[in-house]
C-alpha atoms as a PDB file:
ATOM      1  CA  MET A   1      28.854 -13.774  46.986  1.00  0.00           C
ATOM      2  CA  THR A   2      28.561 -17.385  45.860  1.00  0.00           C
ATOM      3  CA  GLN A   3      26.177 -19.719  47.620  1.00  0.00           C
ATOM      4  CA  LYS A   4      27.815 -22.794  49.089  1.00  0.00           C
ATOM      5  CA  THR A   5      26.203 -26.028  47.999  1.00  0.00           C
ATOM      6  CA  TYR A   6      25.499 -28.837  50.416  1.00  0.00           C
ATOM      7  CA  LYS A   7      24.972 -32.496  49.683  1.00  0.00           C
ATOM      8  CA  LEU A   8      21.922 -33.712  51.564  1.00  0.00           C
ATOM      9  CA  ASP A   9      22.526 -36.885  53.553  1.00  0.00           C
ATOM     10  CA  THR A  10      20.081 -39.562  54.700  1.00  0.00           C
ATOM     11  CA  PHE A  11      19.246 -37.650  57.920  1.00  0.00           C
ATOM     12  CA  ASP A  12      18.444 -34.491  55.936  1.00  0.00           C
ATOM     13  CA  LEU A  13      16.245 -36.434  53.523  1.00  0.00           C
ATOM     14  CA  LYS A  14      14.435 -38.219  56.370  1.00  0.00           C
ATOM     15  CA  MET A  15      13.815 -34.887  58.107  1.00  0.00           C
ATOM     16  CA  ILE A  16      12.376 -33.446  54.907  1.00  0.00           C
ATOM     17  CA  ASP A  17      10.104 -36.492  54.467  1.00  0.00           C
ATOM     18  CA  VAL A  18       8.799 -36.189  58.042  1.00  0.00           C
ATOM     19  CA  LEU A  19       8.264 -32.426  57.727  1.00  0.00           C
ATOM     20  CA  ALA A  20       6.438 -32.865  54.420  1.00  0.00           C
ATOM     21  CA  GLN A  21       3.874 -34.979  56.269  1.00  0.00           C
ATOM     22  CA  ASP A  22       3.707 -32.805  59.405  1.00  0.00           C
ATOM     23  CA  GLY A  23       5.212 -29.326  59.209  1.00  0.00           C
ATOM     24  CA  ARG A  24       4.115 -28.602  62.783  1.00  0.00           C
ATOM     25  CA  ILE A  25       6.000 -31.490  64.363  1.00  0.00           C
ATOM     26  CA  SER A  26       8.090 -30.498  67.371  1.00  0.00           C
ATOM     27  CA  VAL A  27      11.871 -30.532  67.036  1.00  0.00           C
ATOM     28  CA  THR A  28      11.980 -33.110  69.855  1.00  0.00           C
ATOM     29  CA  GLU A  29       9.623 -35.457  67.995  1.00  0.00           C
ATOM     30  CA  LEU A  30      11.415 -34.857  64.695  1.00  0.00           C
ATOM     31  CA  ALA A  31      14.713 -35.757  66.375  1.00  0.00           C
ATOM     32  CA  ARG A  32      13.172 -38.944  67.765  1.00  0.00           C
ATOM     33  CA  GLN A  33      11.829 -39.977  64.366  1.00  0.00           C
ATOM     34  CA  VAL A  34      15.113 -39.432  62.522  1.00  0.00           C
ATOM     35  CA  GLY A  35      17.329 -40.881  65.254  1.00  0.00           C
ATOM     36  CA  LEU A  36      19.312 -37.784  66.237  1.00  0.00           C
ATOM     37  CA  SER A  37      19.374 -35.571  69.314  1.00  0.00           C
ATOM     38  CA  LYS A  38      17.572 -32.224  69.384  1.00  0.00           C
ATOM     39  CA  SER A  39      20.616 -29.932  68.874  1.00  0.00           C
ATOM     40  CA  PRO A  40      21.838 -31.491  65.606  1.00  0.00           C
ATOM     41  CA  VAL A  41      18.270 -31.531  64.277  1.00  0.00           C
ATOM     42  CA  GLN A  42      17.889 -27.805  65.042  1.00  0.00           C
ATOM     43  CA  ALA A  43      21.191 -27.057  63.289  1.00  0.00           C
ATOM     44  CA  ARG A  44      20.202 -29.174  60.282  1.00  0.00           C
ATOM     45  CA  LEU A  45      16.788 -27.470  60.081  1.00  0.00           C
ATOM     46  CA  LYS A  46      18.441 -24.065  60.054  1.00  0.00           C
ATOM     47  CA  ARG A  47      20.855 -25.169  57.302  1.00  0.00           C
ATOM     48  CA  LEU A  48      18.050 -26.729  55.221  1.00  0.00           C
ATOM     49  CA  GLU A  49      16.128 -23.458  55.453  1.00  0.00           C
ATOM     50  CA  GLU A  50      19.209 -21.339  54.618  1.00  0.00           C
ATOM     51  CA  ILE A  51      20.086 -23.352  51.500  1.00  0.00           C
ATOM     52  CA  GLY A  52      16.461 -23.318  50.337  1.00  0.00           C
ATOM     53  CA  ALA A  53      15.815 -27.065  50.635  1.00  0.00           C
ATOM     54  CA  ILE A  54      12.968 -26.067  52.983  1.00  0.00           C
ATOM     55  CA  LYS A  55      11.253 -23.029  51.493  1.00  0.00           C
ATOM     56  CA  GLY A  56       8.710 -22.500  54.255  1.00  0.00           C
ATOM     57  CA  TYR A  57       5.876 -23.950  56.265  1.00  0.00           C
ATOM     58  CA  ARG A  58       2.200 -23.589  55.473  1.00  0.00           C
ATOM     59  CA  ALA A  59      -1.259 -24.757  56.370  1.00  0.00           C
ATOM     60  CA  ILE A  60      -2.810 -27.207  53.928  1.00  0.00           C
ATOM     61  CA  ILE A  61      -6.267 -25.880  53.229  1.00  0.00           C
ATOM     62  CA  ASP A  62      -9.198 -28.083  52.227  1.00  0.00           C
ATOM     63  CA  PRO A  63     -10.604 -26.314  49.139  1.00  0.00           C
ATOM     64  CA  ILE A  64     -13.855 -28.288  49.364  1.00  0.00           C
ATOM     65  CA  GLN A  65     -14.516 -26.782  52.813  1.00  0.00           C
ATOM     66  CA  LEU A  66     -14.076 -23.385  51.149  1.00  0.00           C
ATOM     67  CA  GLY A  67     -16.574 -24.228  48.406  1.00  0.00           C
ATOM     68  CA  ARG A  68     -13.936 -24.552  45.678  1.00  0.00           C
ATOM     69  CA  ASP A  69     -14.353 -28.160  44.599  1.00  0.00           C
ATOM     70  CA  HIS A  70     -14.545 -27.697  40.812  1.00  0.00           C
ATOM     71  CA  VAL A  71     -11.163 -28.471  39.227  1.00  0.00           C
ATOM     72  CA  ALA A  72     -10.324 -27.995  35.576  1.00  0.00           C
ATOM     73  CA  PHE A  73      -7.053 -28.556  33.761  1.00  0.00           C
ATOM     74  CA  VAL A  74      -6.601 -26.158  30.876  1.00  0.00           C
ATOM     75  CA  GLU A  75      -4.232 -26.677  27.961  1.00  0.00           C
ATOM     76  CA  VAL A  76      -3.163 -23.284  26.636  1.00  0.00           C
ATOM     77  CA  LYS A  77      -1.563 -22.660  23.252  1.00  0.00           C
ATOM     78  CA  LEU A  78       0.094 -19.280  22.767  1.00  0.00           C
ATOM     79  CA  SER A  79       0.240 -17.293  19.542  1.00  0.00           C
ATOM     80  CA  ASP A  80       3.807 -16.209  20.307  1.00  0.00           C
ATOM     81  CA  THR A  81       6.453 -18.167  22.227  1.00  0.00           C
ATOM     82  CA  ARG A  82       9.320 -15.715  22.155  1.00  0.00           C
ATOM     83  CA  GLU A  83      10.804 -14.899  25.563  1.00  0.00           C
ATOM     84  CA  ALA A  84       8.964 -11.584  25.979  1.00  0.00           C
ATOM     85  CA  ALA A  85       5.609 -13.260  25.267  1.00  0.00           C
ATOM     86  CA  LEU A  86       6.318 -16.087  27.691  1.00  0.00           C
ATOM     87  CA  SER A  87       7.327 -13.585  30.362  1.00  0.00           C
ATOM     88  CA  ALA A  88       4.159 -11.528  29.835  1.00  0.00           C
ATOM     89  CA  PHE A  89       2.001 -14.658  30.074  1.00  0.00           C
ATOM     90  CA  ASN A  90       3.810 -15.862  33.220  1.00  0.00           C
ATOM     91  CA  GLN A  91       3.397 -12.517  34.971  1.00  0.00           C
ATOM     92  CA  ALA A  92      -0.298 -12.295  34.097  1.00  0.00           C
ATOM     93  CA  VAL A  93      -1.021 -15.877  35.219  1.00  0.00           C
ATOM     94  CA  ALA A  94       0.466 -15.120  38.636  1.00  0.00           C
ATOM     95  CA  LYS A  95      -2.286 -12.518  39.180  1.00  0.00           C
ATOM     96  CA  VAL A  96      -5.241 -14.881  38.566  1.00  0.00           C
ATOM     97  CA  ALA A  97      -6.244 -16.299  41.952  1.00  0.00           C
ATOM     98  CA  GLU A  98      -8.240 -19.185  40.485  1.00  0.00           C
ATOM     99  CA  ILE A  99      -5.164 -20.558  38.688  1.00  0.00           C
ATOM    100  CA  GLU A 100      -3.723 -22.845  41.333  1.00  0.00           C
ATOM    101  CA  GLN A 101      -0.839 -24.165  39.217  1.00  0.00           C
ATOM    102  CA  CYS A 102       0.762 -23.246  35.901  1.00  0.00           C
ATOM    103  CA  HIS A 103       3.330 -25.387  34.107  1.00  0.00           C
ATOM    104  CA  MET A 104       5.147 -24.715  30.839  1.00  0.00           C
ATOM    105  CA  ILE A 105       4.883 -27.898  28.776  1.00  0.00           C
ATOM    106  CA  ALA A 106       6.975 -29.370  25.973  1.00  0.00           C
ATOM    107  CA  GLY A 107       4.421 -30.806  23.588  1.00  0.00           C
ATOM    108  CA  ALA A 108       1.327 -30.004  21.549  1.00  0.00           C
ATOM    109  CA  PHE A 109       0.436 -27.016  23.750  1.00  0.00           C
ATOM    110  CA  ASP A 110       2.486 -24.494  25.707  1.00  0.00           C
ATOM    111  CA  TYR A 111       1.034 -24.402  29.238  1.00  0.00           C
ATOM    112  CA  LEU A 112      -1.061 -26.578  31.511  1.00  0.00           C
ATOM    113  CA  LEU A 113      -3.102 -24.733  34.129  1.00  0.00           C
ATOM    114  CA  LYS A 114      -4.880 -26.171  37.162  1.00  0.00           C
ATOM    115  CA  VAL A 115      -7.903 -23.987  37.827  1.00  0.00           C
ATOM    116  CA  ARG A 116     -10.053 -24.285  40.944  1.00  0.00           C
ATOM    117  CA  THR A 117     -13.487 -22.636  41.215  1.00  0.00           C
ATOM    118  CA  ARG A 118     -16.845 -23.043  42.955  1.00  0.00           C
ATOM    119  CA  ASP A 119     -18.699 -24.651  40.052  1.00  0.00           C
ATOM    120  CA  MET A 120     -18.948 -24.872  36.263  1.00  0.00           C
ATOM    121  CA  ALA A 121     -20.568 -21.439  35.957  1.00  0.00           C
ATOM    122  CA  SER A 122     -17.703 -19.866  37.914  1.00  0.00           C
ATOM    123  CA  TYR A 123     -15.177 -21.730  35.788  1.00  0.00           C
ATOM    124  CA  ARG A 124     -16.813 -20.526  32.561  1.00  0.00           C
ATOM    125  CA  ALA A 125     -16.526 -16.938  33.826  1.00  0.00           C
ATOM    126  CA  VAL A 126     -12.848 -17.407  34.723  1.00  0.00           C
ATOM    127  CA  LEU A 127     -12.148 -18.977  31.333  1.00  0.00           C
ATOM    128  CA  GLY A 128     -13.996 -16.297  29.384  1.00  0.00           C
ATOM    129  CA  GLU A 129     -12.952 -13.239  31.359  1.00  0.00           C
ATOM    130  CA  LYS A 130      -9.502 -14.094  32.675  1.00  0.00           C
ATOM    131  CA  ILE A 131      -7.778 -17.023  30.969  1.00  0.00           C
ATOM    132  CA  SER A 132      -8.833 -16.155  27.418  1.00  0.00           C
ATOM    133  CA  SER A 133      -7.637 -12.582  27.899  1.00  0.00           C
ATOM    134  CA  LEU A 134      -4.158 -13.537  29.157  1.00  0.00           C
ATOM    135  CA  PRO A 135      -1.377 -12.231  26.892  1.00  0.00           C
ATOM    136  CA  HIS A 136      -0.815 -14.178  23.667  1.00  0.00           C
ATOM    137  CA  VAL A 137      -3.456 -16.897  24.282  1.00  0.00           C
ATOM    138  CA  ALA A 138      -4.376 -18.369  20.901  1.00  0.00           C
ATOM    139  CA  ASN A 139      -6.651 -21.150  22.151  1.00  0.00           C
ATOM    140  CA  SER A 140      -7.372 -23.394  25.086  1.00  0.00           C
ATOM    141  CA  SER A 141      -8.840 -26.802  25.813  1.00  0.00           C
ATOM    142  CA  THR A 142     -10.429 -27.763  29.132  1.00  0.00           C
ATOM    143  CA  HIS A 143     -10.426 -31.095  30.954  1.00  0.00           C
ATOM    144  CA  VAL A 144     -12.681 -31.249  34.031  1.00  0.00           C
ATOM    145  CA  ALA A 145     -11.546 -33.443  36.921  1.00  0.00           C
ATOM    146  CA  MET A 146     -14.172 -35.819  38.269  1.00  0.00           C
ATOM    147  CA  GLN A 147     -12.273 -36.870  41.414  1.00  0.00           C
ATOM    148  CA  ALA A 148      -8.957 -36.081  43.098  1.00  0.00           C
ATOM    149  CA  VAL A 149      -7.198 -39.385  43.708  1.00  0.00           C
ATOM    150  CA  LYS A 150      -3.906 -37.850  44.895  1.00  0.00           C
ATOM    151  CA  GLU A 151      -3.032 -34.210  45.594  1.00  0.00           C
ATOM    152  CA  ASP A 152      -0.147 -32.521  47.414  1.00  0.00           C
ATOM    153  CA  GLY A 153       1.757 -35.825  47.437  1.00  0.00           C
ATOM    154  CA  ARG A 154      -0.947 -37.610  49.424  1.00  0.00           C
ATOM    155  CA  ALA A 155      -3.707 -39.994  48.436  1.00  0.00           C
ATOM    156  CA  GLU A 156      -7.163 -38.555  49.062  1.00  0.00           C
ATOM    157  CA  ALA A 157      -9.401 -40.285  51.595  1.00  0.00           C
END
């Protein structure tokens, strides 16, 4: 079965922008903000979800309130970049809770990780016990963030 593709129009894009700022907005308020009635907005929402333009809704958690305000960006160079090695690394990274983001990079290193922990001591343990033991890690370099200026598409207060 082939998936039908849809071209998003200005109403779809506006709905997505509004939902990105407030995923709990009522359909009635969403309709008001985009300039449509409730029924077409409900139908568009269903279609956007079905085609995967909207993947889900979630709570945005404040990591500082949870005591996880230490952020480090880790450049990782692998010893092997064949497909099997990349796959093994990707699968192992997914299991490390402290790794908030992982991006394959074209450049001087292979991956960039965003790691969030309680403090420097916790980060050192994660680096030494988890990141360094990921499959095919040859070396890593850490950059510690001093302040989050913009995260999740929003400027920090």
